[in-house]
C-alpha cells in the first residue's frame, strides 16, 4: 500500500525548490504527515524534519547524525536532536530554518 504523500509534497512546495537548493537538500523522504531531508553546509545540523500538527502548524526538528562507528563488535550511531520548534506557522518556516542553520533560505 502506498503512503499518501500529499502533506510531504505540500511542505516541499511551501519551502520551495530555491530554498531546498540553497540548503543543499538531499534524500527527501516523507510520510502521511511529514517531510525530512538532509542538508549540506551547516556543521551543527545535517538533517531537518518538518511535521504537520493537528492545529495546522508545524513542528520542525533539527538533527546532527554522525557516522556509524564499530567498536569491539558493537555498532553505534551518533544521533543528536539539536533543537525542536513547535507551533511554527508556514510563513515562519524559513526564518526558523535560517536561525538554526545559519544558512540563507531565500534570494
PDB file of N, CA and C in Angstrom:
ATOM      1  N   UNK A   1       0.838  -1.176   0.000  1.00  0.00           N
ATOM      2  CA  UNK A   1       0.000   0.000   0.000  1.00  0.00           C
ATOM      3  C   UNK A   1       0.885   1.242   0.000  1.00  0.00           C
ATOM      4  N   UNK A   2       0.599   2.169  -0.859  1.00  0.00           N
ATOM      5  CA  UNK A   2       1.393   3.394  -0.997  1.00  0.00           C
ATOM      6  C   UNK A   2       1.030   4.396   0.099  1.00  0.00           C
ATOM      7  N   UNK A   3       2.045   5.123   0.545  1.00  0.00           N
ATOM      8  CA  UNK A   3       1.841   6.174   1.544  1.00  0.00           C
ATOM      9  C   UNK A   3       1.300   7.414   0.857  1.00  0.00           C
ATOM     10  N   UNK A   4       0.346   8.070   1.502  1.00  0.00           N
ATOM     11  CA  UNK A   4      -0.183   9.323   0.987  1.00  0.00           C
ATOM     12  C   UNK A   4       0.874  10.404   1.196  1.00  0.00           C
ATOM     13  N   UNK A   5       1.409  10.940   0.127  1.00  0.00           N
ATOM     14  CA  UNK A   5       2.499  11.916   0.186  1.00  0.00           C
ATOM     15  C   UNK A   5       1.997  13.354   0.033  1.00  0.00           C
ATOM     16  N   UNK A   6       0.706  13.572   0.170  1.00  0.00           N
ATOM     17  CA  UNK A   6       0.146  14.909  -0.027  1.00  0.00           C
ATOM     18  C   UNK A   6       0.779  15.929   0.908  1.00  0.00           C
ATOM     19  N   UNK A   7       0.873  15.627   2.202  1.00  0.00           N
ATOM     20  CA  UNK A   7       1.440  16.569   3.169  1.00  0.00           C
ATOM     21  C   UNK A   7       2.922  16.782   2.895  1.00  0.00           C
ATOM     22  N   UNK A   8       3.668  15.708   2.659  1.00  0.00           N
ATOM     23  CA  UNK A   8       5.101  15.835   2.367  1.00  0.00           C
ATOM     24  C   UNK A   8       5.327  16.711   1.136  1.00  0.00           C
ATOM     25  N   UNK A   9       4.539  16.491   0.104  1.00  0.00           N
ATOM     26  CA  UNK A   9       4.669  17.302  -1.112  1.00  0.00           C
ATOM     27  C   UNK A   9       4.279  18.753  -0.873  1.00  0.00           C
ATOM     28  N   UNK A  10       3.279  18.986  -0.037  1.00  0.00           N
ATOM     29  CA  UNK A  10       2.869  20.355   0.292  1.00  0.00           C
ATOM     30  C   UNK A  10       3.980  21.076   1.047  1.00  0.00           C
ATOM     31  N   UNK A  11       4.587  20.405   2.020  1.00  0.00           N
ATOM     32  CA  UNK A  11       5.703  21.010   2.761  1.00  0.00           C
ATOM     33  C   UNK A  11       6.847  21.337   1.804  1.00  0.00           C
ATOM     34  N   UNK A  12       7.164  20.414   0.921  1.00  0.00           N
ATOM     35  CA  UNK A  12       8.218  20.642  -0.072  1.00  0.00           C
ATOM     36  C   UNK A  12       7.893  21.872  -0.925  1.00  0.00           C
ATOM     37  N   UNK A  13       6.647  21.981  -1.367  1.00  0.00           N
ATOM     38  CA  UNK A  13       6.240  23.122  -2.183  1.00  0.00           C
ATOM     39  C   UNK A  13       6.258  24.426  -1.383  1.00  0.00           C
ATOM     40  N   UNK A  14       5.879  24.370  -0.100  1.00  0.00           N
ATOM     41  CA  UNK A  14       5.896  25.567   0.737  1.00  0.00           C
ATOM     42  C   UNK A  14       7.322  26.063   0.957  1.00  0.00           C
ATOM     43  N   UNK A  15       8.262  25.152   1.120  1.00  0.00           N
ATOM     44  CA  UNK A  15       9.662  25.554   1.243  1.00  0.00           C
ATOM     45  C   UNK A  15      10.166  26.114  -0.079  1.00  0.00           C
ATOM     46  N   UNK A  16       9.831  25.447  -1.156  1.00  0.00           N
ATOM     47  CA  UNK A  16      10.222  25.877  -2.490  1.00  0.00           C
ATOM     48  C   UNK A  16      11.534  25.264  -2.938  1.00  0.00           C
ATOM     49  N   UNK A  17      11.663  25.104  -4.235  1.00  0.00           N
ATOM     50  CA  UNK A  17      12.855  24.471  -4.796  1.00  0.00           C
ATOM     51  C   UNK A  17      14.105  25.318  -4.586  1.00  0.00           C
ATOM     52  N   UNK A  18      13.953  26.642  -4.580  1.00  0.00           N
ATOM     53  CA  UNK A  18      15.117  27.517  -4.350  1.00  0.00           C
ATOM     54  C   UNK A  18      15.665  27.295  -2.949  1.00  0.00           C
ATOM     55  N   UNK A  19      14.781  27.263  -1.958  1.00  0.00           N
ATOM     56  CA  UNK A  19      15.210  27.027  -0.578  1.00  0.00           C
ATOM     57  C   UNK A  19      15.896  25.678  -0.453  1.00  0.00           C
ATOM     58  N   UNK A  20      15.299  24.647  -1.009  1.00  0.00           N
ATOM     59  CA  UNK A  20      15.899  23.320  -0.916  1.00  0.00           C
ATOM     60  C   UNK A  20      17.268  23.291  -1.588  1.00  0.00           C
ATOM     61  N   UNK A  21      17.408  23.972  -2.696  1.00  0.00           N
ATOM     62  CA  UNK A  21      18.710  24.057  -3.364  1.00  0.00           C
ATOM     63  C   UNK A  21      19.720  24.817  -2.514  1.00  0.00           C
ATOM     64  N   UNK A  22      19.287  25.933  -1.914  1.00  0.00           N
ATOM     65  CA  UNK A  22      20.189  26.737  -1.100  1.00  0.00           C
ATOM     66  C   UNK A  22      20.658  25.972   0.144  1.00  0.00           C
ATOM     67  N   UNK A  23      19.823  25.078   0.648  1.00  0.00           N
ATOM     68  CA  UNK A  23      20.199  24.264   1.794  1.00  0.00           C
ATOM     69  C   UNK A  23      21.014  23.042   1.388  1.00  0.00           C
ATOM     70  N   UNK A  24      21.116  22.797   0.096  1.00  0.00           N
ATOM     71  CA  UNK A  24      21.796  21.588  -0.360  1.00  0.00           C
ATOM     72  C   UNK A  24      21.025  20.347   0.041  1.00  0.00           C
ATOM     73  N   UNK A  25      19.696  20.429   0.020  1.00  0.00           N
ATOM     74  CA  UNK A  25      18.847  19.335   0.485  1.00  0.00           C
ATOM     75  C   UNK A  25      19.042  18.084  -0.361  1.00  0.00           C
ATOM     76  N   UNK A  26      19.055  16.957   0.332  1.00  0.00           N
ATOM     77  CA  UNK A  26      19.189  15.661  -0.337  1.00  0.00           C
ATOM     78  C   UNK A  26      18.405  14.609   0.443  1.00  0.00           C
ATOM     79  N   UNK A  27      18.160  13.496  -0.187  1.00  0.00           N
ATOM     80  CA  UNK A  27      17.442  12.372   0.422  1.00  0.00           C
ATOM     81  C   UNK A  27      16.117  12.828   1.040  1.00  0.00           C
ATOM     82  N   UNK A  28      15.310  13.520   0.251  1.00  0.00           N
ATOM     83  CA  UNK A  28      13.988  13.914   0.729  1.00  0.00           C
ATOM     84  C   UNK A  28      13.147  12.664   0.924  1.00  0.00           C
ATOM     85  N   UNK A  29      12.511  12.575   2.090  1.00  0.00           N
ATOM     86  CA  UNK A  29      11.653  11.434   2.401  1.00  0.00           C
ATOM     87  C   UNK A  29      10.441  11.955   3.144  1.00  0.00           C
ATOM     88  N   UNK A  30       9.300  11.368   2.872  1.00  0.00           N
ATOM     89  CA  UNK A  30       8.091  11.834   3.526  1.00  0.00           C
ATOM     90  C   UNK A  30       7.173  10.704   3.891  1.00  0.00           C
ATOM     91  N   UNK A  31       6.181  11.063   4.686  1.00  0.00           N
ATOM     92  CA  UNK A  31       5.114  10.134   5.006  1.00  0.00           C
ATOM     93  C   UNK A  31       3.805  10.921   5.030  1.00  0.00           C
ATOM     94  N   UNK A  32       2.783  10.369   5.624  1.00  0.00           N
ATOM     95  CA  UNK A  32       1.468  10.998   5.586  1.00  0.00           C
ATOM     96  C   UNK A  32       1.413  12.345   6.303  1.00  0.00           C
ATOM     97  N   UNK A  33       2.364  12.623   7.211  1.00  0.00           N
ATOM     98  CA  UNK A  33       2.302  13.863   7.986  1.00  0.00           C
ATOM     99  C   UNK A  33       3.585  14.671   7.997  1.00  0.00           C
ATOM    100  N   UNK A  34       4.626  14.258   7.273  1.00  0.00           N
ATOM    101  CA  UNK A  34       5.902  14.959   7.438  1.00  0.00           C
ATOM    102  C   UNK A  34       6.813  14.834   6.228  1.00  0.00           C
ATOM    103  N   UNK A  35       7.860  15.660   6.280  1.00  0.00           N
ATOM    104  CA  UNK A  35       8.938  15.634   5.297  1.00  0.00           C
ATOM    105  C   UNK A  35      10.242  15.751   6.061  1.00  0.00           C
ATOM    106  N   UNK A  36      11.222  14.972   5.676  1.00  0.00           N
ATOM    107  CA  UNK A  36      12.552  15.112   6.260  1.00  0.00           C
ATOM    108  C   UNK A  36      13.585  15.053   5.153  1.00  0.00           C
ATOM    109  N   UNK A  37      14.735  15.695   5.402  1.00  0.00           N
ATOM    110  CA  UNK A  37      15.771  15.740   4.393  1.00  0.00           C
ATOM    111  C   UNK A  37      17.100  16.097   5.040  1.00  0.00           C
ATOM    112  N   UNK A  38      18.165  15.695   4.369  1.00  0.00           N
ATOM    113  CA  UNK A  38      19.498  16.082   4.798  1.00  0.00           C
ATOM    114  C   UNK A  38      19.841  17.430   4.196  1.00  0.00           C
ATOM    115  N   UNK A  39      20.767  18.142   4.858  1.00  0.00           N
ATOM    116  CA  UNK A  39      21.243  19.415   4.321  1.00  0.00           C
ATOM    117  C   UNK A  39      22.768  19.439   4.340  1.00  0.00           C
ATOM    118  N   UNK A  40      23.332  20.306   3.527  1.00  0.00           N
ATOM    119  CA  UNK A  40      24.777  20.487   3.464  1.00  0.00           C
ATOM    120  C   UNK A  40      25.108  21.925   3.857  1.00  0.00           C
ATOM    121  N   UNK A  41      26.322  22.135   4.340  1.00  0.00           N
ATOM    122  CA  UNK A  41      26.778  23.492   4.591  1.00  0.00           C
ATOM    123  C   UNK A  41      26.640  23.972   6.013  1.00  0.00           C
ATOM    124  N   UNK A  42      26.119  23.156   6.901  1.00  0.00           N
ATOM    125  CA  UNK A  42      25.987  23.533   8.310  1.00  0.00           C
ATOM    126  C   UNK A  42      26.713  22.470   9.136  1.00  0.00           C
ATOM    127  N   UNK A  43      27.674  22.881   9.915  1.00  0.00           N
ATOM    128  CA  UNK A  43      28.443  21.924  10.722  1.00  0.00           C
ATOM    129  C   UNK A  43      27.637  21.339  11.872  1.00  0.00           C
ATOM    130  N   UNK A  44      26.682  22.093  12.386  1.00  0.00           N
ATOM    131  CA  UNK A  44      25.944  21.697  13.573  1.00  0.00           C
ATOM    132  C   UNK A  44      24.723  20.824  13.272  1.00  0.00           C
ATOM    133  N   UNK A  45      24.146  21.008  12.105  1.00  0.00           N
ATOM    134  CA  UNK A  45      22.899  20.325  11.743  1.00  0.00           C
ATOM    135  C   UNK A  45      23.052  19.723  10.351  1.00  0.00           C
ATOM    136  N   UNK A  46      22.601  18.473  10.181  1.00  0.00           N
ATOM    137  CA  UNK A  46      22.638  17.886   8.846  1.00  0.00           C
ATOM    138  C   UNK A  46      21.336  17.182   8.452  1.00  0.00           C
ATOM    139  N   UNK A  47      20.321  17.279   9.310  1.00  0.00           N
ATOM    140  CA  UNK A  47      19.029  16.675   8.983  1.00  0.00           C
ATOM    141  C   UNK A  47      17.922  17.553   9.575  1.00  0.00           C
ATOM    142  N   UNK A  48      16.873  17.774   8.778  1.00  0.00           N
ATOM    143  CA  UNK A  48      15.717  18.558   9.213  1.00  0.00           C
ATOM    144  C   UNK A  48      14.466  17.721   9.003  1.00  0.00           C
ATOM    145  N   UNK A  49      13.597  17.716  10.003  1.00  0.00           N
ATOM    146  CA  UNK A  49      12.301  17.065   9.903  1.00  0.00           C
ATOM    147  C   UNK A  49      11.203  18.080  10.146  1.00  0.00           C
ATOM    148  N   UNK A  50      10.192  18.097   9.295  1.00  0.00           N
ATOM    149  CA  UNK A  50       9.077  19.034   9.432  1.00  0.00           C
ATOM    150  C   UNK A  50       7.786  18.213   9.443  1.00  0.00           C
ATOM    151  N   UNK A  51       7.029  18.341  10.526  1.00  0.00           N
ATOM    152  CA  UNK A  51       5.798  17.567  10.698  1.00  0.00           C
ATOM    153  C   UNK A  51       4.600  18.504  10.832  1.00  0.00           C
ATOM    154  N   UNK A  52       3.529  18.203  10.115  1.00  0.00           N
ATOM    155  CA  UNK A  52       2.281  18.952  10.226  1.00  0.00           C
ATOM    156  C   UNK A  52       1.548  18.487  11.478  1.00  0.00           C
ATOM    157  N   UNK A  53       1.185  19.437  12.345  1.00  0.00           N
ATOM    158  CA  UNK A  53       0.470  19.125  13.575  1.00  0.00           C
ATOM    159  C   UNK A  53      -1.031  19.326  13.374  1.00  0.00           C
ATOM    160  N   UNK A  54      -1.867  18.753  14.256  1.00  0.00           N
ATOM    161  CA  UNK A  54      -3.321  18.853  14.087  1.00  0.00           C
ATOM    162  C   UNK A  54      -3.866  20.289  14.068  1.00  0.00           C
ATOM    163  N   UNK A  55      -3.147  21.234  14.685  1.00  0.00           N
ATOM    164  CA  UNK A  55      -3.628  22.621  14.696  1.00  0.00           C
ATOM    165  C   UNK A  55      -3.175  23.419  13.469  1.00  0.00           C
ATOM    166  N   UNK A  56      -2.710  22.717  12.435  1.00  0.00           N
ATOM    167  CA  UNK A  56      -2.281  23.314  11.165  1.00  0.00           C
ATOM    168  C   UNK A  56      -1.019  24.172  11.309  1.00  0.00           C
ATOM    169  N   UNK A  57      -0.208  23.880  12.322  1.00  0.00           N
ATOM    170  CA  UNK A  57       1.123  24.463  12.439  1.00  0.00           C
ATOM    171  C   UNK A  57       2.112  23.323  12.248  1.00  0.00           C
ATOM    172  N   UNK A  58       3.394  23.643  12.310  1.00  0.00           N
ATOM    173  CA  UNK A  58       4.425  22.639  12.074  1.00  0.00           C
ATOM    174  C   UNK A  58       5.342  22.495  13.280  1.00  0.00           C
ATOM    175  N   UNK A  59       5.857  21.301  13.451  1.00  0.00           N
ATOM    176  CA  UNK A  59       6.962  21.051  14.365  1.00  0.00           C
ATOM    177  C   UNK A  59       8.181  20.821  13.486  1.00  0.00           C
ATOM    178  N   UNK A  60       9.239  21.585  13.748  1.00  0.00           N
ATOM    179  CA  UNK A  60      10.472  21.456  12.976  1.00  0.00           C
ATOM    180  C   UNK A  60      11.560  20.970  13.920  1.00  0.00           C
ATOM    181  N   UNK A  61      12.202  19.861  13.560  1.00  0.00           N
ATOM    182  CA  UNK A  61      13.278  19.294  14.356  1.00  0.00           C
ATOM    183  C   UNK A  61      14.580  19.351  13.575  1.00  0.00           C
ATOM    184  N   UNK A  62      15.635  19.682  14.286  1.00  0.00           N
ATOM    185  CA  UNK A  62      16.963  19.787  13.695  1.00  0.00           C
ATOM    186  C   UNK A  62      17.856  18.736  14.342  1.00  0.00           C
ATOM    187  N   UNK A  63      18.547  17.955  13.517  1.00  0.00           N
ATOM    188  CA  UNK A  63      19.333  16.821  13.988  1.00  0.00           C
ATOM    189  C   UNK A  63      20.766  16.887  13.490  1.00  0.00           C
ATOM    190  N   UNK A  64      21.627  16.283  14.232  1.00  0.00           N
ATOM    191  CA  UNK A  64      23.005  16.019  13.800  1.00  0.00           C
ATOM    192  C   UNK A  64      23.180  14.510  13.848  1.00  0.00           C
ATOM    193  N   UNK A  65      23.365  13.920  12.683  1.00  0.00           N
ATOM    194  CA  UNK A  65      23.523  12.474  12.594  1.00  0.00           C
ATOM    195  C   UNK A  65      24.936  12.190  12.117  1.00  0.00           C
ATOM    196  N   UNK A  66      25.694  11.523  12.964  1.00  0.00           N
ATOM    197  CA  UNK A  66      27.081  11.204  12.649  1.00  0.00           C
ATOM    198  C   UNK A  66      27.199   9.847  11.989  1.00  0.00           C
ATOM    199  N   UNK A  67      28.413   9.502  11.675  1.00  0.00           N
ATOM    200  CA  UNK A  67      28.691   8.237  11.018  1.00  0.00           C
ATOM    201  C   UNK A  67      28.591   7.074  12.000  1.00  0.00           C
ATOM    202  N   UNK A  68      28.297   5.914  11.450  1.00  0.00           N
ATOM    203  CA  UNK A  68      28.302   4.699  12.256  1.00  0.00           C
ATOM    204  C   UNK A  68      29.721   4.395  12.711  1.00  0.00           C
ATOM    205  N   UNK A  69      29.842   3.941  13.924  1.00  0.00           N
ATOM    206  CA  UNK A  69      31.149   3.515  14.416  1.00  0.00           C
ATOM    207  C   UNK A  69      31.029   2.089  14.923  1.00  0.00           C
ATOM    208  N   UNK A  70      32.096   1.346  14.760  1.00  0.00           N
ATOM    209  CA  UNK A  70      32.127  -0.033  15.237  1.00  0.00           C
ATOM    210  C   UNK A  70      33.294  -0.166  16.197  1.00  0.00           C
ATOM    211  N   UNK A  71      32.964  -0.559  17.416  1.00  0.00           N
ATOM    212  CA  UNK A  71      33.999  -0.792  18.428  1.00  0.00           C
ATOM    213  C   UNK A  71      33.701  -2.102  19.125  1.00  0.00           C
ATOM    214  N   UNK A  72      34.674  -2.962  19.124  1.00  0.00           N
ATOM    215  CA  UNK A  72      34.555  -4.254  19.805  1.00  0.00           C
ATOM    216  C   UNK A  72      33.304  -5.009  19.362  1.00  0.00           C
ATOM    217  N   UNK A  73      33.015  -4.954  18.073  1.00  0.00           N
ATOM    218  CA  UNK A  73      31.886  -5.675  17.518  1.00  0.00           C
ATOM    219  C   UNK A  73      30.533  -5.017  17.718  1.00  0.00           C
ATOM    220  N   UNK A  74      30.489  -3.834  18.325  1.00  0.00           N
ATOM    221  CA  UNK A  74      29.230  -3.129  18.561  1.00  0.00           C
ATOM    222  C   UNK A  74      29.132  -1.931  17.623  1.00  0.00           C
ATOM    223  N   UNK A  75      28.008  -1.830  16.933  1.00  0.00           N
ATOM    224  CA  UNK A  75      27.771  -0.724  16.023  1.00  0.00           C
ATOM    225  C   UNK A  75      26.972   0.342  16.769  1.00  0.00           C
ATOM    226  N   UNK A  76      27.414   1.589  16.662  1.00  0.00           N
ATOM    227  CA  UNK A  76      26.661   2.666  17.293  1.00  0.00           C
ATOM    228  C   UNK A  76      26.556   3.850  16.349  1.00  0.00           C
ATOM    229  N   UNK A  77      25.459   4.580  16.482  1.00  0.00           N
ATOM    230  CA  UNK A  77      25.231   5.783  15.699  1.00  0.00           C
ATOM    231  C   UNK A  77      25.303   6.981  16.626  1.00  0.00           C
ATOM    232  N   UNK A  78      25.811   8.056  16.099  1.00  0.00           N
ATOM    233  CA  UNK A  78      25.856   9.298  16.844  1.00  0.00           C
ATOM    234  C   UNK A  78      24.710  10.166  16.342  1.00  0.00           C
ATOM    235  N   UNK A  79      23.561  10.125  17.048  1.00  0.00           N
ATOM    236  CA  UNK A  79      22.378  10.876  16.653  1.00  0.00           C
ATOM    237  C   UNK A  79      22.014  11.823  17.785  1.00  0.00           C
ATOM    238  N   UNK A  80      21.965  13.111  17.463  1.00  0.00           N
ATOM    239  CA  UNK A  80      21.658  14.124  18.472  1.00  0.00           C
ATOM    240  C   UNK A  80      20.579  15.056  17.934  1.00  0.00           C
ATOM    241  N   UNK A  81      19.493  15.186  18.695  1.00  0.00           N
ATOM    242  CA  UNK A  81      18.491  16.196  18.344  1.00  0.00           C
ATOM    243  C   UNK A  81      19.035  17.525  18.856  1.00  0.00           C
ATOM    244  N   UNK A  82      19.323  18.434  17.922  1.00  0.00           N
ATOM    245  CA  UNK A  82      19.901  19.733  18.265  1.00  0.00           C
ATOM    246  C   UNK A  82      18.838  20.653  18.854  1.00  0.00           C
ATOM    247  N   UNK A  83      17.673  20.711  18.205  1.00  0.00           N
ATOM    248  CA  UNK A  83      16.595  21.566  18.703  1.00  0.00           C
ATOM    249  C   UNK A  83      15.280  21.172  18.049  1.00  0.00           C
ATOM    250  N   UNK A  84      14.204  21.696  18.624  1.00  0.00           N
ATOM    251  CA  UNK A  84      12.868  21.419  18.116  1.00  0.00           C
ATOM    252  C   UNK A  84      11.993  22.652  18.347  1.00  0.00           C
ATOM    253  N   UNK A  85      11.206  23.004  17.351  1.00  0.00           N
ATOM    254  CA  UNK A  85      10.288  24.138  17.434  1.00  0.00           C
ATOM    255  C   UNK A  85       8.883  23.627  17.169  1.00  0.00           C
ATOM    256  N   UNK A  86       7.955  23.943  18.044  1.00  0.00           N
ATOM    257  CA  UNK A  86       6.564  23.554  17.857  1.00  0.00           C
ATOM    258  C   UNK A  86       5.724  24.801  17.596  1.00  0.00           C
ATOM    259  N   UNK A  87       4.597  24.596  16.925  1.00  0.00           N
ATOM    260  CA  UNK A  87       3.676  25.712  16.678  1.00  0.00           C
ATOM    261  C   UNK A  87       4.183  26.707  15.651  1.00  0.00           C
ATOM    262  N   UNK A  88       4.984  26.237  14.701  1.00  0.00           N
ATOM    263  CA  UNK A  88       5.547  27.124  13.674  1.00  0.00           C
ATOM    264  C   UNK A  88       4.537  27.273  12.538  1.00  0.00           C
ATOM    265  N   UNK A  89       4.200  28.511  12.230  1.00  0.00           N
ATOM    266  CA  UNK A  89       3.310  28.776  11.101  1.00  0.00           C
ATOM    267  C   UNK A  89       4.108  28.698   9.803  1.00  0.00           C
ATOM    268  N   UNK A  90       3.409  28.392   8.721  1.00  0.00           N
ATOM    269  CA  UNK A  90       4.065  28.206   7.431  1.00  0.00           C
ATOM    270  C   UNK A  90       4.909  29.413   7.049  1.00  0.00           C
ATOM    271  N   UNK A  91       4.424  30.620   7.327  1.00  0.00           N
ATOM    272  CA  UNK A  91       5.163  31.821   6.942  1.00  0.00           C
ATOM    273  C   UNK A  91       6.430  32.028   7.779  1.00  0.00           C
ATOM    274  N   UNK A  92       6.584  31.276   8.856  1.00  0.00           N
ATOM    275  CA  UNK A  92       7.769  31.406   9.714  1.00  0.00           C
ATOM    276  C   UNK A  92       8.802  30.295   9.504  1.00  0.00           C
ATOM    277  N   UNK A  93       8.490  29.312   8.661  1.00  0.00           N
ATOM    278  CA  UNK A  93       9.407  28.175   8.481  1.00  0.00           C
ATOM    279  C   UNK A  93      10.791  28.615   8.012  1.00  0.00           C
ATOM    280  N   UNK A  94      10.860  29.503   7.038  1.00  0.00           N
ATOM    281  CA  UNK A  94      12.149  29.946   6.514  1.00  0.00           C
ATOM    282  C   UNK A  94      12.994  30.611   7.603  1.00  0.00           C
ATOM    283  N   UNK A  95      12.361  31.451   8.415  1.00  0.00           N
ATOM    284  CA  UNK A  95      13.085  32.155   9.473  1.00  0.00           C
ATOM    285  C   UNK A  95      13.630  31.192  10.523  1.00  0.00           C
ATOM    286  N   UNK A  96      12.844  30.197  10.884  1.00  0.00           N
ATOM    287  CA  UNK A  96      13.289  29.205  11.873  1.00  0.00           C
ATOM    288  C   UNK A  96      14.471  28.410  11.326  1.00  0.00           C
ATOM    289  N   UNK A  97      14.384  27.997  10.080  1.00  0.00           N
ATOM    290  CA  UNK A  97      15.474  27.223   9.475  1.00  0.00           C
ATOM    291  C   UNK A  97      16.733  28.073   9.388  1.00  0.00           C
ATOM    292  N   UNK A  98      16.606  29.312   8.968  1.00  0.00           N
ATOM    293  CA  UNK A  98      17.773  30.188   8.881  1.00  0.00           C
ATOM    294  C   UNK A  98      18.390  30.420  10.262  1.00  0.00           C
ATOM    295  N   UNK A  99      17.547  30.633  11.255  1.00  0.00           N
ATOM    296  CA  UNK A  99      18.040  30.878  12.617  1.00  0.00           C
ATOM    297  C   UNK A  99      18.840  29.687  13.147  1.00  0.00           C
ATOM    298  N   UNK A 100      18.363  28.483  12.888  1.00  0.00           N
ATOM    299  CA  UNK A 100      19.036  27.297  13.421  1.00  0.00           C
ATOM    300  C   UNK A 100      20.266  26.886  12.634  1.00  0.00           C
ATOM    301  N   UNK A 101      20.212  27.035  11.307  1.00  0.00           N
ATOM    302  CA  UNK A 101      21.309  26.546  10.481  1.00  0.00           C
ATOM    303  C   UNK A 101      22.314  27.623  10.114  1.00  0.00           C
ATOM    304  N   UNK A 102      21.879  28.882  10.145  1.00  0.00           N
ATOM    305  CA  UNK A 102      22.737  29.974   9.689  1.00  0.00           C
ATOM    306  C   UNK A 102      22.793  30.065   8.171  1.00  0.00           C
ATOM    307  N   UNK A 103      22.006  29.246   7.494  1.00  0.00           N
ATOM    308  CA  UNK A 103      22.005  29.230   6.029  1.00  0.00           C
ATOM    309  C   UNK A 103      20.849  30.068   5.494  1.00  0.00           C
ATOM    310  N   UNK A 104      21.107  30.789   4.425  1.00  0.00           N
ATOM    311  CA  UNK A 104      20.067  31.570   3.768  1.00  0.00           C
ATOM    312  C   UNK A 104      19.069  30.617   3.134  1.00  0.00           C
ATOM    313  N   UNK A 105      17.806  31.010   3.147  1.00  0.00           N
ATOM    314  CA  UNK A 105      16.766  30.176   2.543  1.00  0.00           C
ATOM    315  C   UNK A 105      16.001  30.916   1.440  1.00  0.00           C
ATOM    316  N   UNK A 106      16.343  32.176   1.230  1.00  0.00           N
ATOM    317  CA  UNK A 106      15.684  32.985   0.201  1.00  0.00           C
ATOM    318  C   UNK A 106      16.710  33.832  -0.527  1.00  0.00           C
ATOM    319  N   UNK A 107      16.399  34.137  -1.785  1.00  0.00           N
ATOM    320  CA  UNK A 107      17.271  35.024  -2.563  1.00  0.00           C
ATOM    321  C   UNK A 107      17.005  36.460  -2.227  1.00  0.00           C
TER     322      UNK A 107
END
